[in-house]
Amino acid sequence: MISLHFSTITALENHSDARAHLEQRVSHNLLPTLASGVVFWPLINVLHFRFVRLENRAGVGGMGGGAWSIYMSRQVKGKVGGKEGGREG
């Protein structure tokens, strides 16, 4: 799923060498992102199901998802190969 996220963003950015850029981005960011997810989501779930009342769980889950989306966006736009990962030119 994370590779699909990186692939979609790379395709939407319309790089001239999209395949090479995608391979570099995935090889650089995949393991740190997976490791972060393994730490982030169990922690959120423990807090979510232990301390949040049933009627508030949707909002808290949405905030956790929003925080994860921000993190994923930062990972996609992070430095790749010494250059900024965003649009060139």
N, C-alpha and C. Protein backbone atom coordinates (compact mmCIF):
# COMPACT_ATOMS: atom_id res chain seq x y z
N MET A 1 0.82 -1.19 0.00
CA MET A 1 0.00 0.00 0.00
C MET A 1 0.87 1.26 0.00
N ILE A 2 1.95 1.21 0.76
CA ILE A 2 2.83 2.38 0.81
C ILE A 2 3.52 2.57 -0.53
N SER A 3 3.92 1.47 -1.18
CA SER A 3 4.53 1.58 -2.50
C SER A 3 3.54 2.16 -3.51
N LEU A 4 2.27 1.79 -3.38
CA LEU A 4 1.24 2.34 -4.26
C LEU A 4 1.10 3.85 -4.04
N HIS A 5 1.18 4.28 -2.79
CA HIS A 5 1.12 5.71 -2.49
C HIS A 5 2.28 6.46 -3.15
N PHE A 6 3.50 5.93 -2.99
CA PHE A 6 4.66 6.55 -3.62
C PHE A 6 4.53 6.55 -5.14
N SER A 7 4.02 5.45 -5.71
CA SER A 7 3.86 5.35 -7.16
C SER A 7 2.85 6.36 -7.68
N THR A 8 1.74 6.49 -7.00
CA THR A 8 0.69 7.42 -7.43
C THR A 8 1.20 8.86 -7.41
N ILE A 9 1.87 9.25 -6.34
CA ILE A 9 2.38 10.61 -6.25
C ILE A 9 3.40 10.87 -7.34
N THR A 10 4.29 9.91 -7.59
CA THR A 10 5.30 10.08 -8.64
C THR A 10 4.63 10.21 -10.01
N ALA A 11 3.61 9.40 -10.27
CA ALA A 11 2.90 9.48 -11.55
C ALA A 11 2.20 10.83 -11.71
N LEU A 12 1.61 11.33 -10.64
CA LEU A 12 0.91 12.61 -10.71
C LEU A 12 1.86 13.79 -10.87
N GLU A 13 3.10 13.64 -10.40
CA GLU A 13 4.07 14.72 -10.54
C GLU A 13 4.62 14.82 -11.95
N ASN A 14 4.40 13.80 -12.79
CA ASN A 14 4.76 13.82 -14.20
C ASN A 14 6.25 14.05 -14.41
N HIS A 15 7.07 13.24 -13.76
CA HIS A 15 8.52 13.31 -13.97
C HIS A 15 8.87 12.70 -15.32
N SER A 16 9.90 13.24 -15.95
CA SER A 16 10.32 12.70 -17.24
C SER A 16 10.92 11.30 -17.08
N ASP A 17 11.61 11.05 -15.99
CA ASP A 17 12.17 9.73 -15.70
C ASP A 17 11.45 9.13 -14.49
N ALA A 18 10.14 8.95 -14.63
CA ALA A 18 9.30 8.56 -13.50
C ALA A 18 9.70 7.22 -12.92
N ARG A 19 10.06 6.27 -13.76
CA ARG A 19 10.41 4.94 -13.24
C ARG A 19 11.65 5.00 -12.36
N ALA A 20 12.69 5.66 -12.83
CA ALA A 20 13.92 5.77 -12.04
C ALA A 20 13.67 6.56 -10.75
N HIS A 21 12.86 7.62 -10.87
CA HIS A 21 12.55 8.43 -9.70
C HIS A 21 11.75 7.61 -8.68
N LEU A 22 10.80 6.81 -9.16
CA LEU A 22 10.00 5.97 -8.28
C LEU A 22 10.87 4.93 -7.58
N GLU A 23 11.74 4.26 -8.33
CA GLU A 23 12.62 3.25 -7.74
C GLU A 23 13.50 3.86 -6.65
N GLN A 24 14.02 5.04 -6.92
CA GLN A 24 14.86 5.71 -5.94
C GLN A 24 14.05 6.11 -4.71
N ARG A 25 12.86 6.63 -4.94
CA ARG A 25 12.01 7.07 -3.83
C ARG A 25 11.59 5.89 -2.95
N VAL A 26 11.19 4.80 -3.57
CA VAL A 26 10.75 3.63 -2.80
C VAL A 26 11.93 3.02 -2.04
N SER A 27 13.08 2.89 -2.70
CA SER A 27 14.23 2.29 -2.01
C SER A 27 14.71 3.16 -0.85
N HIS A 28 14.53 4.45 -0.98
CA HIS A 28 14.98 5.38 0.06
C HIS A 28 13.99 5.49 1.22
N ASN A 29 12.70 5.43 0.94
CA ASN A 29 11.67 5.73 1.95
C ASN A 29 10.85 4.55 2.44
N LEU A 30 10.88 3.42 1.76
CA LEU A 30 9.94 2.35 2.10
C LEU A 30 10.18 1.79 3.50
N LEU A 31 11.39 1.38 3.81
CA LEU A 31 11.64 0.78 5.13
C LEU A 31 11.41 1.74 6.28
N PRO A 32 11.88 3.00 6.21
CA PRO A 32 11.57 3.92 7.32
C PRO A 32 10.07 4.15 7.49
N THR A 33 9.34 4.20 6.39
CA THR A 33 7.90 4.41 6.47
C THR A 33 7.19 3.20 7.07
N LEU A 34 7.60 2.00 6.65
CA LEU A 34 7.02 0.79 7.23
C LEU A 34 7.32 0.71 8.73
N ALA A 35 8.55 1.02 9.11
CA ALA A 35 8.91 0.99 10.53
C ALA A 35 8.09 2.00 11.33
N SER A 36 7.88 3.15 10.77
CA SER A 36 7.06 4.16 11.45
C SER A 36 5.62 3.69 11.61
N GLY A 37 5.10 3.04 10.59
CA GLY A 37 3.74 2.53 10.66
C GLY A 37 3.58 1.43 11.71
N VAL A 38 4.60 0.59 11.85
CA VAL A 38 4.57 -0.48 12.83
C VAL A 38 4.57 0.08 14.25
N VAL A 39 5.16 1.25 14.44
CA VAL A 39 5.17 1.88 15.75
C VAL A 39 3.92 2.75 15.95
N PHE A 40 3.55 3.52 14.92
CA PHE A 40 2.48 4.51 15.04
C PHE A 40 1.11 3.88 15.24
N TRP A 41 0.71 2.95 14.37
CA TRP A 41 -0.66 2.44 14.41
C TRP A 41 -0.98 1.60 15.63
N PRO A 42 -0.10 0.72 16.10
CA PRO A 42 -0.44 0.02 17.35
C PRO A 42 -0.57 0.99 18.53
N LEU A 43 0.26 1.99 18.60
CA LEU A 43 0.16 2.98 19.67
C LEU A 43 -1.18 3.72 19.60
N ILE A 44 -1.54 4.16 18.40
CA ILE A 44 -2.82 4.85 18.21
C ILE A 44 -3.98 3.93 18.60
N ASN A 45 -3.92 2.67 18.19
CA ASN A 45 -5.00 1.73 18.51
C ASN A 45 -5.12 1.48 20.00
N VAL A 46 -4.00 1.33 20.70
CA VAL A 46 -4.06 1.12 22.14
C VAL A 46 -4.69 2.34 22.82
N LEU A 47 -4.22 3.52 22.47
CA LEU A 47 -4.80 4.74 23.06
C LEU A 47 -6.27 4.88 22.68
N HIS A 48 -6.56 4.60 21.43
CA HIS A 48 -7.90 4.76 20.88
C HIS A 48 -8.91 3.86 21.60
N PHE A 49 -8.59 2.58 21.72
CA PHE A 49 -9.55 1.64 22.29
C PHE A 49 -9.50 1.59 23.82
N ARG A 50 -8.45 2.08 24.42
CA ARG A 50 -8.37 2.04 25.88
C ARG A 50 -8.95 3.29 26.53
N PHE A 51 -8.69 4.46 25.94
CA PHE A 51 -9.01 5.71 26.62
C PHE A 51 -10.11 6.55 25.97
N VAL A 52 -10.50 6.23 24.76
CA VAL A 52 -11.49 7.05 24.06
C VAL A 52 -12.85 6.38 24.14
N ARG A 53 -13.85 7.15 24.52
CA ARG A 53 -15.21 6.62 24.61
C ARG A 53 -15.74 6.31 23.22
N LEU A 54 -16.67 5.39 23.17
CA LEU A 54 -17.19 4.88 21.90
C LEU A 54 -17.70 5.99 20.99
N GLU A 55 -18.41 6.95 21.53
CA GLU A 55 -18.99 8.00 20.68
C GLU A 55 -17.93 8.96 20.12
N ASN A 56 -16.71 8.95 20.65
CA ASN A 56 -15.65 9.83 20.17
C ASN A 56 -14.61 9.13 19.31
N ARG A 57 -14.76 7.83 19.11
CA ARG A 57 -13.72 7.07 18.41
C ARG A 57 -13.58 7.44 16.94
N ALA A 58 -14.65 7.78 16.28
CA ALA A 58 -14.54 8.14 14.86
C ALA A 58 -13.68 9.40 14.68
N GLY A 59 -13.90 10.38 15.52
CA GLY A 59 -13.12 11.62 15.43
C GLY A 59 -11.66 11.41 15.75
N VAL A 60 -11.38 10.62 16.78
CA VAL A 60 -10.00 10.35 17.17
C VAL A 60 -9.30 9.52 16.10
N GLY A 61 -10.00 8.53 15.55
CA GLY A 61 -9.44 7.74 14.46
C GLY A 61 -9.15 8.60 13.24
N GLY A 62 -10.03 9.55 12.97
CA GLY A 62 -9.80 10.48 11.86
C GLY A 62 -8.59 11.36 12.08
N MET A 63 -8.37 11.78 13.33
CA MET A 63 -7.18 12.58 13.63
C MET A 63 -5.91 11.76 13.47
N GLY A 64 -5.96 10.49 13.88
CA GLY A 64 -4.81 9.61 13.68
C GLY A 64 -4.52 9.41 12.20
N GLY A 65 -5.58 9.21 11.42
CA GLY A 65 -5.41 9.07 9.97
C GLY A 65 -4.89 10.34 9.32
N GLY A 66 -5.34 11.48 9.81
CA GLY A 66 -4.84 12.76 9.29
C GLY A 66 -3.36 12.95 9.59
N ALA A 67 -2.96 12.59 10.81
CA ALA A 67 -1.54 12.68 11.17
C ALA A 67 -0.70 11.75 10.31
N TRP A 68 -1.21 10.54 10.05
CA TRP A 68 -0.48 9.59 9.20
C TRP A 68 -0.38 10.12 7.77
N SER A 69 -1.43 10.73 7.27
CA SER A 69 -1.40 11.31 5.91
C SER A 69 -0.38 12.43 5.81
N ILE A 70 -0.28 13.24 6.84
CA ILE A 70 0.73 14.30 6.85
C ILE A 70 2.12 13.69 6.83
N TYR A 71 2.33 12.67 7.64
CA TYR A 71 3.63 12.00 7.66
C TYR A 71 3.96 11.40 6.30
N MET A 72 2.98 10.74 5.67
CA MET A 72 3.21 10.14 4.35
C MET A 72 3.55 11.20 3.31
N SER A 73 2.88 12.32 3.37
CA SER A 73 3.17 13.41 2.42
C SER A 73 4.58 13.93 2.63
N ARG A 74 5.00 14.04 3.88
CA ARG A 74 6.37 14.49 4.16
C ARG A 74 7.38 13.46 3.67
N GLN A 75 7.07 12.17 3.78
CA GLN A 75 7.96 11.14 3.30
C GLN A 75 8.10 11.21 1.78
N VAL A 76 6.99 11.43 1.09
CA VAL A 76 7.02 11.50 -0.37
C VAL A 76 7.80 12.73 -0.83
N LYS A 77 7.64 13.84 -0.15
CA LYS A 77 8.30 15.07 -0.55
C LYS A 77 9.68 15.24 0.06
N GLY A 78 10.14 14.24 0.83
CA GLY A 78 11.45 14.32 1.48
C GLY A 78 12.57 14.29 0.45
N LYS A 79 13.80 14.41 0.96
CA LYS A 79 14.96 14.40 0.08
C LYS A 79 15.15 13.01 -0.52
N VAL A 80 15.38 12.99 -1.83
CA VAL A 80 15.62 11.75 -2.56
C VAL A 80 16.91 11.93 -3.32
N GLY A 81 17.93 11.18 -2.98
CA GLY A 81 19.18 11.25 -3.70
C GLY A 81 19.87 12.60 -3.61
N GLY A 82 19.73 13.30 -2.49
CA GLY A 82 20.39 14.59 -2.32
C GLY A 82 19.60 15.77 -2.87
N LYS A 83 18.48 15.49 -3.56
CA LYS A 83 17.64 16.56 -4.10
C LYS A 83 16.30 16.53 -3.41
N GLU A 84 15.63 17.65 -3.45
CA GLU A 84 14.26 17.67 -2.93
C GLU A 84 13.41 16.77 -3.81
N GLY A 85 12.48 16.06 -3.20
CA GLY A 85 11.67 15.10 -3.92
C GLY A 85 10.52 15.70 -4.70
N GLY A 86 10.33 16.96 -4.64
CA GLY A 86 9.20 17.59 -5.33
C GLY A 86 9.46 17.82 -6.80
N ARG A 87 8.68 18.67 -7.39
CA ARG A 87 8.78 18.98 -8.79
C ARG A 87 10.07 19.70 -9.11
N GLU A 88 10.65 19.38 -10.22
CA GLU A 88 11.89 20.02 -10.64
C GLU A 88 11.58 21.11 -11.64
N GLY A 89 12.31 22.20 -11.51
CA GLY A 89 12.17 23.26 -12.50
C GLY A 89 11.23 24.24 -12.14
